[in-house]
Amino acid sequence: MAILKSVQLPKWLDDIIYNEFGAVYEPRPQDVKYNPDQQFEFVQLYLGTYFPRSYAEAYCIMNRLFDNPLYKQEFFMLEEINILDFCCGTGGEIIGLIHSLNYNLPNLKSVNIDAFDANPDAIRFLFHLMERINDIPNIRLSINIVPQGLFIENEMDMRDFVKIPNSLYHFVISFKALNEFVQSNTFPNKNVYDVVPSYLLPLLDEKGVLILSDLTHQHNGEYYPFVMTKGLNTCLKRSNNYKTIIPTPCFHYEEICQGCYLQESFHVTHSRKTRDLSKVAYRVICKSDFAQRIMQTKVTGSCRHTHAYADKSLPYNI
């Protein structure tokens, strides 16, 4: 089955962000690396440029997850789903996820979302956006969201954060956010992609998944995907309670993987840009027993482990 990699932003969503909220399409890759203290006008720019990309990434990743019939069967009868978004920004990934749930799960009636971010203007945008979406006839779901301010300065803050949620989650997501902890050196001498997931994974429901996505460029001479792969593999080896289910090769080889660069390219078309490109590295992780139950497939896709002489520092697609 072909993997969905290109989407059109729904017209109703396009109208809301550009016509009602005054979003601005203006790529500024050097300016969006660290976002907690950005001003209101910049959040409008982020909403118009990077929100649609996050929407497309989440929608495509979720549809890839539902392409697994054993996974979809486990969720098909659910009427209520809980979501946690760690560093939600303006919430493009939340809307992409909801749109996919709305399409794939006909019995689903309500979605409960806990969303956390350090930027108050981004949270305000998200709150008002979700108010509008609850009025959209295309979305049949009842959406209940609690956006909250969060600023993580050290590992103690992470320990305090995981005490806030009062439920377990079917989806814990974090899109293009952990790189900011790398830039700010929030966890000195530690791999962010080991530290943060170690706190997020215990928040998963028995069938829950962690979807972790991030940028693919370099920081201080190291590519984020390579650092992510090493950090996540270390985290998973230490606990032995969780497994990667996407990319599929990671399910089979992550215990012996020494780290490599991986990426996926997505395109989104909206009123301000045709086939806008985004590149991310992502992993989808769940509890080991659930992974064994739904992963009845052979290895698909390329993996550096299966190519002994491949240069593990160079990009390849998931």
Protein backbone atom coordinates (compact mmCIF):
# COMPACT_ATOMS: atom_id res chain seq x y z
CA MET A 1 0.00 0.00 0.00
CA ALA A 2 1.36 3.40 -0.99
CA ILE A 3 2.23 5.73 1.89
CA LEU A 4 0.34 9.05 1.81
CA LYS A 5 2.87 11.88 1.55
CA SER A 6 0.95 14.80 0.04
CA VAL A 7 -2.25 16.48 1.25
CA GLN A 8 -4.46 19.49 0.62
CA LEU A 9 -5.26 21.66 3.62
CA PRO A 10 -9.06 21.48 4.06
CA LYS A 11 -10.74 24.64 2.77
CA TRP A 12 -12.54 25.29 6.05
CA LEU A 13 -9.22 25.15 7.90
CA ASP A 14 -7.51 27.28 5.27
CA ASP A 15 -10.24 29.93 5.65
CA ILE A 16 -9.94 29.97 9.44
CA ILE A 17 -6.19 30.38 9.73
CA TYR A 18 -5.60 32.77 6.80
CA ASN A 19 -8.84 34.76 6.55
CA GLU A 20 -10.06 34.82 10.17
CA PHE A 21 -6.80 34.62 12.13
CA GLY A 22 -4.59 36.59 9.73
CA ALA A 23 -1.92 33.91 9.36
CA VAL A 24 1.07 34.83 7.18
CA TYR A 25 2.97 32.47 4.89
CA GLU A 26 6.65 33.42 5.10
CA PRO A 27 9.27 30.69 5.62
CA ARG A 28 12.00 31.75 8.04
CA PRO A 29 13.90 28.58 8.90
CA GLN A 30 16.59 30.41 10.85
CA ASP A 31 14.04 32.23 13.01
CA VAL A 32 11.85 29.31 14.06
CA LYS A 33 14.50 27.25 15.80
CA TYR A 34 13.62 28.51 19.27
CA ASN A 35 10.04 29.64 19.82
CA PRO A 36 8.98 30.05 23.47
CA ASP A 37 9.68 33.80 23.61
CA GLN A 38 8.49 34.76 20.11
CA GLN A 39 6.03 37.64 19.83
CA PHE A 40 2.40 37.64 18.63
CA GLU A 41 3.25 38.66 15.05
CA PHE A 42 5.71 35.81 14.74
CA VAL A 43 3.10 33.35 15.95
CA GLN A 44 0.89 34.55 13.07
CA LEU A 45 3.77 33.79 10.71
CA TYR A 46 4.26 30.38 12.30
CA LEU A 47 0.54 29.66 11.98
CA GLY A 48 0.58 30.47 8.26
CA THR A 49 3.83 28.70 7.38
CA TYR A 50 4.51 25.80 9.73
CA PHE A 51 1.02 24.92 11.02
CA PRO A 52 0.00 23.48 7.58
CA ARG A 53 3.20 21.43 7.45
CA SER A 54 2.59 19.96 10.91
CA TYR A 55 -1.00 19.24 9.89
CA ALA A 56 0.19 17.30 6.83
CA GLU A 57 2.88 15.41 8.74
CA ALA A 58 0.47 14.27 11.47
CA TYR A 59 -2.32 13.41 9.04
CA CYS A 60 0.00 11.31 6.86
CA ILE A 61 1.69 9.57 9.81
CA MET A 62 -1.68 8.74 11.36
CA ASN A 63 -3.00 7.33 8.09
CA ARG A 64 0.13 5.22 7.80
CA LEU A 65 -0.61 3.90 11.29
CA PHE A 66 -4.22 3.10 10.35
CA ASP A 67 -3.00 1.33 7.20
CA ASN A 68 -2.06 -1.47 9.59
CA PRO A 69 -5.38 -3.40 9.80
CA LEU A 70 -4.45 -5.02 13.12
CA TYR A 71 -3.84 -1.60 14.68
CA LYS A 72 -7.05 -0.17 13.23
CA GLN A 73 -9.04 -3.15 14.51
CA GLU A 74 -7.87 -2.43 18.07
CA PHE A 75 -9.26 1.13 17.87
CA PHE A 76 -12.27 0.64 15.63
CA MET A 77 -14.90 0.38 18.39
CA LEU A 78 -13.54 3.15 20.63
CA GLU A 79 -15.93 6.02 21.34
CA GLU A 80 -13.52 8.26 23.28
CA ILE A 81 -9.81 8.99 22.82
CA ASN A 82 -7.29 10.91 24.96
CA ILE A 83 -4.42 12.90 23.44
CA LEU A 84 -1.43 14.65 25.01
CA ASP A 85 0.57 17.14 22.93
CA PHE A 86 3.92 18.06 24.49
CA CYS A 87 5.01 21.47 23.12
CA CYS A 88 1.93 21.93 20.95
CA GLY A 89 2.66 25.33 19.38
CA THR A 90 -0.33 26.46 17.33
CA GLY A 91 -1.55 22.85 17.05
CA GLY A 92 -1.18 21.85 13.40
CA GLU A 93 -0.36 18.27 14.39
CA ILE A 94 -3.42 18.14 16.67
CA ILE A 95 -5.75 19.07 13.80
CA GLY A 96 -4.04 16.60 11.46
CA LEU A 97 -4.45 13.85 14.03
CA ILE A 98 -8.10 14.73 14.66
CA HIS A 99 -8.85 14.81 10.93
CA SER A 100 -7.39 11.31 10.56
CA LEU A 101 -9.34 10.00 13.56
CA ASN A 102 -12.50 11.57 12.18
CA TYR A 103 -11.95 9.74 8.88
CA ASN A 104 -10.75 6.35 10.13
CA LEU A 105 -12.83 5.66 13.27
CA PRO A 106 -16.58 5.91 12.54
CA ASN A 107 -17.58 4.94 16.10
CA LEU A 108 -15.49 7.65 17.72
CA LYS A 109 -17.57 10.36 19.41
CA SER A 110 -15.25 12.50 21.50
CA VAL A 111 -11.59 13.50 21.75
CA ASN A 112 -10.00 14.86 24.93
CA ILE A 113 -6.78 16.85 24.49
CA ASP A 114 -4.22 18.07 26.99
CA ALA A 115 -1.89 20.48 25.16
CA PHE A 116 1.18 22.16 26.66
CA ASP A 117 3.46 24.87 25.28
CA ALA A 118 5.77 27.62 26.54
CA ASN A 119 4.46 30.34 24.19
CA PRO A 120 1.26 31.98 25.53
CA ASP A 121 0.27 33.46 22.15
CA ALA A 122 0.52 30.05 20.49
CA ILE A 123 -1.70 28.59 23.21
CA ARG A 124 -4.22 31.40 22.72
CA PHE A 125 -4.33 30.75 18.96
CA LEU A 126 -4.87 27.05 19.59
CA PHE A 127 -7.67 27.63 22.08
CA HIS A 128 -9.63 29.88 19.72
CA LEU A 129 -8.94 27.59 16.76
CA MET A 130 -10.41 24.63 18.61
CA GLU A 131 -13.47 26.73 19.49
CA ARG A 132 -14.02 27.28 15.77
CA ILE A 133 -13.40 23.66 14.82
CA ASN A 134 -16.11 22.45 17.17
CA ASP A 135 -18.53 24.35 14.91
CA ILE A 136 -17.31 22.78 11.66
CA PRO A 137 -19.80 20.24 10.22
CA ASN A 138 -16.96 18.32 8.52
CA ILE A 139 -15.73 17.32 12.00
CA ARG A 140 -18.38 15.15 13.67
CA LEU A 141 -16.37 14.71 16.89
CA SER A 142 -16.84 16.50 20.20
CA ILE A 143 -13.44 18.03 20.97
CA ASN A 144 -12.50 18.96 24.52
CA ILE A 145 -9.15 20.71 24.86
CA VAL A 146 -7.23 22.05 27.83
CA PRO A 147 -4.25 24.14 26.56
CA GLN A 148 -1.80 25.00 29.32
CA GLY A 149 1.40 26.99 29.73
CA LEU A 150 4.56 24.96 30.25
CA PHE A 151 8.20 25.96 30.46
CA ILE A 152 10.76 23.20 30.97
CA GLU A 153 14.10 24.43 32.31
CA ASN A 154 15.54 21.20 33.73
CA GLU A 155 14.78 17.56 34.43
CA MET A 156 13.01 18.40 37.68
CA ASP A 157 10.45 20.30 35.60
CA MET A 158 9.90 17.14 33.53
CA ARG A 159 9.32 15.13 36.71
CA ASP A 160 6.77 17.74 37.83
CA PHE A 161 5.13 17.84 34.40
CA VAL A 162 4.31 14.13 34.25
CA LYS A 163 2.42 14.50 37.55
CA ILE A 164 -0.08 16.89 35.93
CA PRO A 165 -2.03 14.49 33.66
CA ASN A 166 -4.81 12.57 35.38
CA SER A 167 -5.35 9.99 32.65
CA LEU A 168 -3.43 7.72 30.30
CA TYR A 169 -3.33 8.57 26.61
CA HIS A 170 -4.03 6.80 23.35
CA PHE A 171 -1.73 9.31 21.63
CA VAL A 172 1.20 11.24 23.09
CA ILE A 173 2.65 13.49 20.40
CA SER A 174 5.49 15.96 20.08
CA PHE A 175 6.27 17.53 16.72
CA LYS A 176 9.42 19.52 15.90
CA ALA A 177 9.91 20.61 19.50
CA LEU A 178 12.65 18.57 21.17
CA ASN A 179 15.31 20.23 19.00
CA GLU A 180 14.63 23.41 21.00
CA PHE A 181 15.76 21.65 24.17
CA VAL A 182 18.93 20.67 22.33
CA GLN A 183 19.56 24.29 21.31
CA SER A 184 18.97 25.64 24.80
CA ASN A 185 21.01 22.84 26.43
CA THR A 186 18.14 22.14 28.81
CA PHE A 187 19.55 18.75 29.82
CA PRO A 188 23.34 19.23 29.86
CA ASN A 189 25.42 16.23 28.75
CA LYS A 190 22.30 14.17 28.11
CA ASN A 191 20.52 13.12 24.93
CA VAL A 192 17.17 14.94 24.82
CA TYR A 193 15.62 12.10 22.79
CA ASP A 194 16.46 9.73 25.62
CA VAL A 195 15.43 12.00 28.51
CA VAL A 196 12.06 13.34 27.33
CA PRO A 197 10.60 10.06 25.95
CA SER A 198 11.56 8.31 29.20
CA TYR A 199 9.03 10.60 30.94
CA LEU A 200 6.37 10.54 28.19
CA LEU A 201 6.21 6.79 27.52
CA PRO A 202 4.74 5.84 30.94
CA LEU A 203 1.78 8.12 30.13
CA LEU A 204 0.64 5.74 27.38
CA ASP A 205 -2.54 3.70 27.58
CA GLU A 206 -2.16 -0.06 26.95
CA LYS A 207 -2.82 0.62 23.25
CA GLY A 208 -1.28 4.09 23.24
CA VAL A 209 1.45 5.32 20.90
CA LEU A 210 4.10 8.01 21.22
CA ILE A 211 4.59 9.89 17.95
CA LEU A 212 7.85 11.81 18.09
CA SER A 213 8.78 13.95 15.08
CA ASP A 214 11.57 16.47 14.65
CA LEU A 215 13.67 18.49 12.24
CA THR A 216 16.31 16.96 9.98
CA HIS A 217 19.03 19.61 9.80
CA GLN A 218 22.27 19.96 11.76
CA HIS A 219 23.04 21.49 15.14
CA ASN A 220 26.68 21.90 16.17
CA GLY A 221 27.76 19.46 13.46
CA GLU A 222 25.27 16.69 14.30
CA TYR A 223 22.06 15.90 12.44
CA TYR A 224 18.98 15.80 14.65
CA PRO A 225 17.75 12.47 13.18
CA PHE A 226 21.03 10.79 14.06
CA VAL A 227 20.88 12.13 17.62
CA MET A 228 17.21 11.11 17.82
CA THR A 229 17.90 7.57 16.69
CA LYS A 230 20.67 7.09 19.24
CA GLY A 231 18.65 8.65 22.07
CA LEU A 232 15.45 6.72 21.42
CA ASN A 233 17.28 3.42 20.98
CA THR A 234 19.05 3.98 24.31
CA CYS A 235 15.75 4.81 26.01
CA LEU A 236 14.01 1.73 24.63
CA LYS A 237 16.89 -0.63 25.44
CA ARG A 238 16.97 0.57 29.03
CA SER A 239 13.28 -0.04 29.74
CA ASN A 240 12.65 -3.02 27.43
CA ASN A 241 8.92 -2.29 27.80
CA TYR A 242 8.41 -0.40 24.54
CA LYS A 243 8.95 -1.01 20.82
CA THR A 244 9.01 1.08 17.65
CA ILE A 245 6.32 0.16 15.12
CA ILE A 246 7.10 2.84 12.51
CA PRO A 247 9.50 2.81 10.68
CA THR A 248 9.00 -0.94 10.35
CA PRO A 249 12.74 -1.81 10.13
CA CYS A 250 13.24 -0.21 13.56
CA PHE A 251 10.83 -2.76 15.03
CA HIS A 252 13.21 -5.51 13.96
CA TYR A 253 16.61 -3.87 14.40
CA GLU A 254 16.47 -1.09 17.01
CA GLU A 255 18.05 -3.29 19.71
CA ILE A 256 21.27 -3.53 17.69
CA CYS A 257 21.11 -0.26 15.75
CA GLN A 258 24.02 2.11 16.33
CA GLY A 259 22.14 5.14 15.01
CA CYS A 260 21.52 6.52 11.53
CA TYR A 261 19.97 9.44 9.70
CA LEU A 262 16.36 8.93 8.59
CA GLN A 263 13.80 11.32 7.14
CA GLU A 264 10.44 11.54 5.42
CA SER A 265 9.33 14.24 2.97
CA PHE A 266 5.76 15.53 2.99
CA HIS A 267 3.95 18.12 0.87
CA VAL A 268 0.97 20.28 1.76
CA THR A 269 -0.99 22.53 -0.59
CA HIS A 270 -2.97 25.53 0.68
CA SER A 271 -4.14 28.92 -0.57
CA ARG A 272 -0.70 30.50 -0.09
CA LYS A 273 1.53 27.74 -1.48
CA THR A 274 1.33 24.69 -3.74
CA ARG A 275 3.13 21.55 -2.56
CA ASP A 276 4.98 23.18 0.29
CA LEU A 277 7.74 20.79 1.38
CA SER A 278 8.64 19.66 4.88
CA LYS A 279 11.19 17.04 5.92
CA VAL A 280 11.05 15.35 9.31
CA ALA A 281 12.40 12.34 11.13
CA TYR A 282 9.84 10.46 13.19
CA ARG A 283 9.26 7.34 15.23
CA VAL A 284 6.01 5.75 16.44
CA ILE A 285 6.46 3.78 19.68
CA CYS A 286 4.10 1.73 21.85
CA LYS A 287 4.20 -0.89 24.60
CA SER A 288 6.06 -4.06 23.63
CA ASP A 289 3.17 -6.50 24.07
CA PHE A 290 0.86 -4.32 21.97
CA ALA A 291 3.57 -3.98 19.31
CA GLN A 292 3.99 -7.76 19.11
CA ARG A 293 0.23 -8.14 18.72
CA ILE A 294 -0.13 -5.75 15.79
CA MET A 295 3.19 -6.17 13.97
CA GLN A 296 2.52 -9.27 11.92
CA THR A 297 4.40 -7.97 8.88
CA LYS A 298 7.76 -8.57 7.30
CA VAL A 299 10.42 -5.87 7.12
CA THR A 300 9.57 -3.22 4.55
CA GLY A 301 11.61 -0.22 3.54
CA SER A 302 15.32 0.39 3.65
CA CYS A 303 17.38 0.13 6.81
CA ARG A 304 21.07 0.84 7.30
CA HIS A 305 21.41 -2.31 9.38
CA THR A 306 20.64 -4.40 6.29
CA HIS A 307 23.34 -2.61 4.26
CA ALA A 308 26.64 -3.22 6.01
CA TYR A 309 28.63 -0.72 3.92
CA ALA A 310 26.06 2.10 3.90
CA ASP A 311 27.17 5.45 5.27
CA LYS A 312 25.02 5.81 8.39
CA SER A 313 25.55 9.58 8.52
CA LEU A 314 23.75 10.25 5.21
CA PRO A 315 19.99 10.76 4.79
CA TYR A 316 17.60 8.08 3.63
CA ASN A 317 13.83 8.03 3.50
CA ILE A 318 11.73 6.11 6.00
